Amino acid sequence: MLYVGIDVAKNKHDFTVLDGTGKQVLKTITFTNRKQGFELLRNTLKQLGQDCLIAMEDTGHYTLNLLKCLHEKAYQVYTYNPLLIKEFTKSLSLRKTKTDKKDARVIALKLVTDPNREFFKHDDKQEELKILTRHVSRLKRHQTDWKVQYTKCLDILFPECHQAVTKHSGYSYELLKAFPTPEKMIEPGFEKLMDIK
C-alpha cells in the first residue's frame, strides 16, 4: 500500500508518495489544475503498480474537480481540515518555512500515521450536504440583513407602524404591499385594512 499526499492550490497541485514506513517513494511532482494535470497524476499513480490511499487538505472548491477525477477512478480519498495538518506539522517540527513540496509530504505522512483515518474518508454525499448547509447559512444571514434594512426603512417612513402591527409578520408584509405609505393606508378605512390576509 502506498500513501499519496496532495497539496491543493488554485492553479497547481503538488503530490508525493510514501510507503507504509513513511519513506518517500516518488519525488514530489507538480501538476496543473486541469484535465491534463489530472491525467498526469492518474498515469503516475497507475505506473506505481500498487494500491494507493490519497489524502489532501479540505480547501473548499479548489478540491472539487480533483476529488471528482479521483472518485471516477475509484481511489480512496481522505480529506483533512487544514488546521489538523498545521498541528500535525508542528508536532513533527519538520519545517520553519512553508513550501508546497513539504506540505504534500506532511499530508501523506499524516495519512500513513493516522490511526483514525477512516473518519476522514471523503464522501460525496457529505460534501453536498456541507455545501447545502453553508448555502442555507448564507441565506439566513441575507434574510437577517434584509429584515434589518426593512426595519430601518419602516422606522424612517412609517414610525407609527410598529405600534399597530408586528413588524415581521405575514399580515404586516401584506398590509405594506397593499398600502406602502401612511397616506395610502388612511384612504381605504379600517374595515378594508382588516380584510387583508
Protein backbone atom coordinates (compact mmCIF):
# COMPACT_ATOMS: atom_id res chain seq x y z
CA MET A 1 0.00 0.00 0.00
CA LEU A 2 1.22 3.49 -0.93
CA TYR A 3 0.18 6.80 0.59
CA VAL A 4 -0.23 9.89 -1.57
CA GLY A 5 -0.30 13.43 -0.19
CA ILE A 6 -1.62 16.19 -2.42
CA ASP A 7 -1.15 19.86 -1.61
CA VAL A 8 -4.02 21.63 -3.36
CA ALA A 9 -3.81 25.19 -4.68
CA LYS A 10 -5.78 27.29 -7.15
CA ASN A 11 -3.81 26.67 -10.35
CA LYS A 12 -1.50 23.78 -9.48
CA HIS A 13 -1.16 20.90 -7.06
CA ASP A 14 1.88 19.06 -5.67
CA PHE A 15 1.85 15.40 -4.79
CA THR A 16 4.27 12.99 -3.24
CA VAL A 17 4.11 9.26 -2.48
CA LEU A 18 5.24 7.47 0.68
CA ASP A 19 5.37 3.80 1.62
CA GLY A 20 3.95 2.39 4.85
CA THR A 21 7.09 3.34 6.79
CA GLY A 22 6.90 6.99 5.70
CA LYS A 23 9.78 6.67 3.22
CA GLN A 24 9.40 8.77 0.07
CA VAL A 25 8.85 6.51 -2.94
CA LEU A 26 8.46 9.23 -5.54
CA LYS A 27 9.93 12.70 -5.81
CA THR A 28 7.31 15.44 -5.43
CA ILE A 29 5.58 16.21 -8.73
CA THR A 30 3.62 19.34 -9.62
CA PHE A 31 0.58 19.12 -11.88
CA THR A 32 -1.89 21.70 -13.18
CA ASN A 33 -5.47 22.05 -12.02
CA ARG A 34 -6.69 20.93 -15.46
CA LYS A 35 -7.60 17.73 -17.24
CA GLN A 36 -4.00 17.25 -18.46
CA GLY A 37 -2.69 17.66 -14.91
CA PHE A 38 -5.20 15.14 -13.55
CA GLU A 39 -4.16 12.68 -16.27
CA LEU A 40 -0.51 13.12 -15.24
CA LEU A 41 -1.47 12.28 -11.64
CA ARG A 42 -3.54 9.23 -12.63
CA ASN A 43 -0.89 7.90 -15.02
CA THR A 44 1.86 8.35 -12.43
CA LEU A 45 -0.16 6.50 -9.77
CA LYS A 46 -1.02 3.75 -12.26
CA GLN A 47 2.68 3.24 -13.09
CA LEU A 48 3.45 2.65 -9.40
CA GLY A 49 1.52 -0.61 -9.70
CA GLN A 50 0.23 -0.64 -6.12
CA ASP A 51 -2.95 0.34 -4.34
CA CYS A 52 -2.88 3.94 -3.18
CA LEU A 53 -4.66 5.86 -0.47
CA ILE A 54 -4.81 9.57 -1.20
CA ALA A 55 -5.02 12.47 1.25
CA MET A 56 -5.40 16.22 0.81
CA GLU A 57 -6.48 19.22 2.80
CA ASP A 58 -10.13 20.18 2.50
CA THR A 59 -9.63 23.52 0.78
CA GLY A 60 -13.20 24.03 -0.40
CA HIS A 61 -13.96 24.45 -4.08
CA TYR A 62 -10.32 24.04 -5.21
CA THR A 63 -10.54 20.33 -4.35
CA LEU A 64 -13.87 19.56 -6.04
CA ASN A 65 -12.68 18.80 -9.60
CA LEU A 66 -9.72 16.80 -8.33
CA LEU A 67 -11.94 14.77 -5.99
CA LYS A 68 -14.36 14.03 -8.82
CA CYS A 69 -11.49 12.85 -11.02
CA LEU A 70 -10.09 10.57 -8.29
CA HIS A 71 -13.51 9.12 -7.39
CA GLU A 72 -14.14 8.28 -11.06
CA LYS A 73 -11.05 6.07 -10.91
CA ALA A 74 -12.23 4.51 -7.61
CA TYR A 75 -9.39 5.87 -5.45
CA GLN A 76 -9.96 6.10 -1.71
CA VAL A 77 -9.55 9.74 -0.78
CA TYR A 78 -9.21 11.26 2.68
CA THR A 79 -9.69 14.97 3.33
CA TYR A 80 -8.23 16.69 6.38
CA ASN A 81 -9.09 20.04 7.88
CA PRO A 82 -6.11 22.37 7.24
CA LEU A 83 -5.86 23.06 11.00
CA LEU A 84 -5.25 19.36 11.66
CA ILE A 85 -2.43 19.34 9.11
CA LYS A 86 -0.97 22.50 10.66
CA GLU A 87 -0.98 20.93 14.14
CA PHE A 88 0.48 17.70 12.76
CA THR A 89 3.26 19.70 11.09
CA LYS A 90 4.09 21.41 14.39
CA SER A 91 4.29 18.04 16.12
CA LEU A 92 6.84 16.88 13.54
CA SER A 93 8.94 20.06 13.72
CA LEU A 94 9.70 19.44 10.06
CA ARG A 95 10.00 23.00 8.94
CA LYS A 96 10.16 26.61 9.79
CA THR A 97 9.17 27.88 6.35
CA LYS A 98 6.26 26.86 4.18
CA THR A 99 6.90 25.04 0.90
CA ASP A 100 4.25 23.19 -1.08
CA LYS A 101 6.55 20.22 -1.72
CA LYS A 102 6.99 19.68 2.00
CA ASP A 103 3.23 20.21 2.51
CA ALA A 104 2.46 17.28 0.20
CA ARG A 105 4.87 15.08 2.19
CA VAL A 106 3.35 16.13 5.53
CA ILE A 107 -0.16 15.35 4.26
CA ALA A 108 0.98 11.90 3.08
CA LEU A 109 2.74 11.29 6.41
CA LYS A 110 -0.43 12.25 8.29
CA LEU A 111 -2.28 9.57 6.30
CA VAL A 112 0.43 6.96 6.98
CA THR A 113 0.44 7.57 10.74
CA ASP A 114 -3.23 8.35 11.37
CA PRO A 115 -4.95 5.51 13.26
CA ASN A 116 -8.28 7.32 12.80
CA ARG A 117 -8.04 7.95 9.08
CA GLU A 118 -11.41 6.29 8.38
CA PHE A 119 -13.08 9.30 10.00
CA PHE A 120 -11.62 11.46 7.23
CA LYS A 121 -12.64 9.31 4.26
CA HIS A 122 -14.19 11.62 1.71
CA ASP A 123 -17.88 11.12 0.99
CA ASP A 124 -19.59 12.90 -1.93
CA LYS A 125 -22.95 12.98 -0.16
CA GLN A 126 -21.38 14.53 2.91
CA GLU A 127 -19.68 17.11 0.67
CA GLU A 128 -23.02 18.00 -0.96
CA LEU A 129 -24.61 18.28 2.48
CA LYS A 130 -21.81 20.59 3.61
CA ILE A 131 -22.31 22.83 0.55
CA LEU A 132 -26.08 22.95 1.08
CA THR A 133 -25.67 23.71 4.80
CA ARG A 134 -23.32 26.61 4.01
CA HIS A 135 -25.81 27.89 1.43
CA VAL A 136 -28.67 27.79 3.98
CA SER A 137 -26.48 29.69 6.47
CA ARG A 138 -25.73 32.34 3.83
CA LEU A 139 -29.44 32.68 3.02
CA LYS A 140 -30.27 33.10 6.71
CA ARG A 141 -27.63 35.82 7.06
CA HIS A 142 -29.08 37.61 4.00
CA GLN A 143 -32.58 37.27 5.43
CA THR A 144 -31.43 38.85 8.69
CA ASP A 145 -29.72 41.69 6.78
CA TRP A 146 -32.90 42.35 4.77
CA LYS A 147 -35.03 42.38 7.93
CA VAL A 148 -32.69 44.96 9.48
CA GLN A 149 -32.94 47.12 6.33
CA TYR A 150 -36.72 46.70 6.27
CA THR A 151 -36.97 47.78 9.92
CA LYS A 152 -34.77 50.85 9.30
CA CYS A 153 -36.90 51.92 6.32
CA LEU A 154 -40.10 51.36 8.29
CA ASP A 155 -38.78 53.38 11.24
CA ILE A 156 -37.97 56.28 8.91
CA LEU A 157 -41.01 56.23 6.58
CA PHE A 158 -43.70 54.90 8.90
CA PRO A 159 -42.62 55.10 12.56
CA GLU A 160 -46.18 54.53 13.85
CA CYS A 161 -46.50 51.15 12.11
CA HIS A 162 -44.79 49.08 14.80
CA GLN A 163 -47.36 50.31 17.35
CA ALA A 164 -50.23 48.91 15.28
CA VAL A 165 -48.79 45.65 13.89
CA THR A 166 -45.83 43.35 14.41
CA LYS A 167 -43.05 44.38 12.01
CA HIS A 168 -42.21 40.85 10.87
CA SER A 169 -45.47 39.04 10.30
CA GLY A 170 -47.32 37.84 7.24
CA TYR A 171 -50.08 40.36 7.91
CA SER A 172 -47.73 43.35 8.16
CA TYR A 173 -45.95 42.35 4.93
CA GLU A 174 -49.27 42.03 3.05
CA LEU A 175 -50.53 45.28 4.57
CA LEU A 176 -47.45 47.18 3.42
CA LYS A 177 -47.61 45.59 -0.03
CA ALA A 178 -51.16 46.85 -0.45
CA PHE A 179 -50.62 50.21 1.28
CA PRO A 180 -46.90 51.10 1.27
CA THR A 181 -47.20 54.58 2.87
CA PRO A 182 -49.14 56.07 5.79
CA GLU A 183 -51.12 58.24 3.37
CA LYS A 184 -52.28 55.25 1.33
CA MET A 185 -53.25 53.38 4.50
CA ILE A 186 -55.61 56.15 5.65
CA GLU A 187 -57.68 56.17 2.41
CA PRO A 188 -59.35 52.71 2.48
CA GLY A 189 -60.63 52.80 6.06
CA PHE A 190 -60.32 50.37 8.96
CA GLU A 191 -62.54 47.56 7.59
CA LYS A 192 -60.55 47.21 4.37
CA LEU A 193 -57.34 47.05 6.36
CA MET A 194 -58.81 44.21 8.45
CA ASP A 195 -59.72 42.23 5.29
CA ILE A 196 -56.06 41.84 4.34
CA LYS A 197 -54.80 38.28 4.76
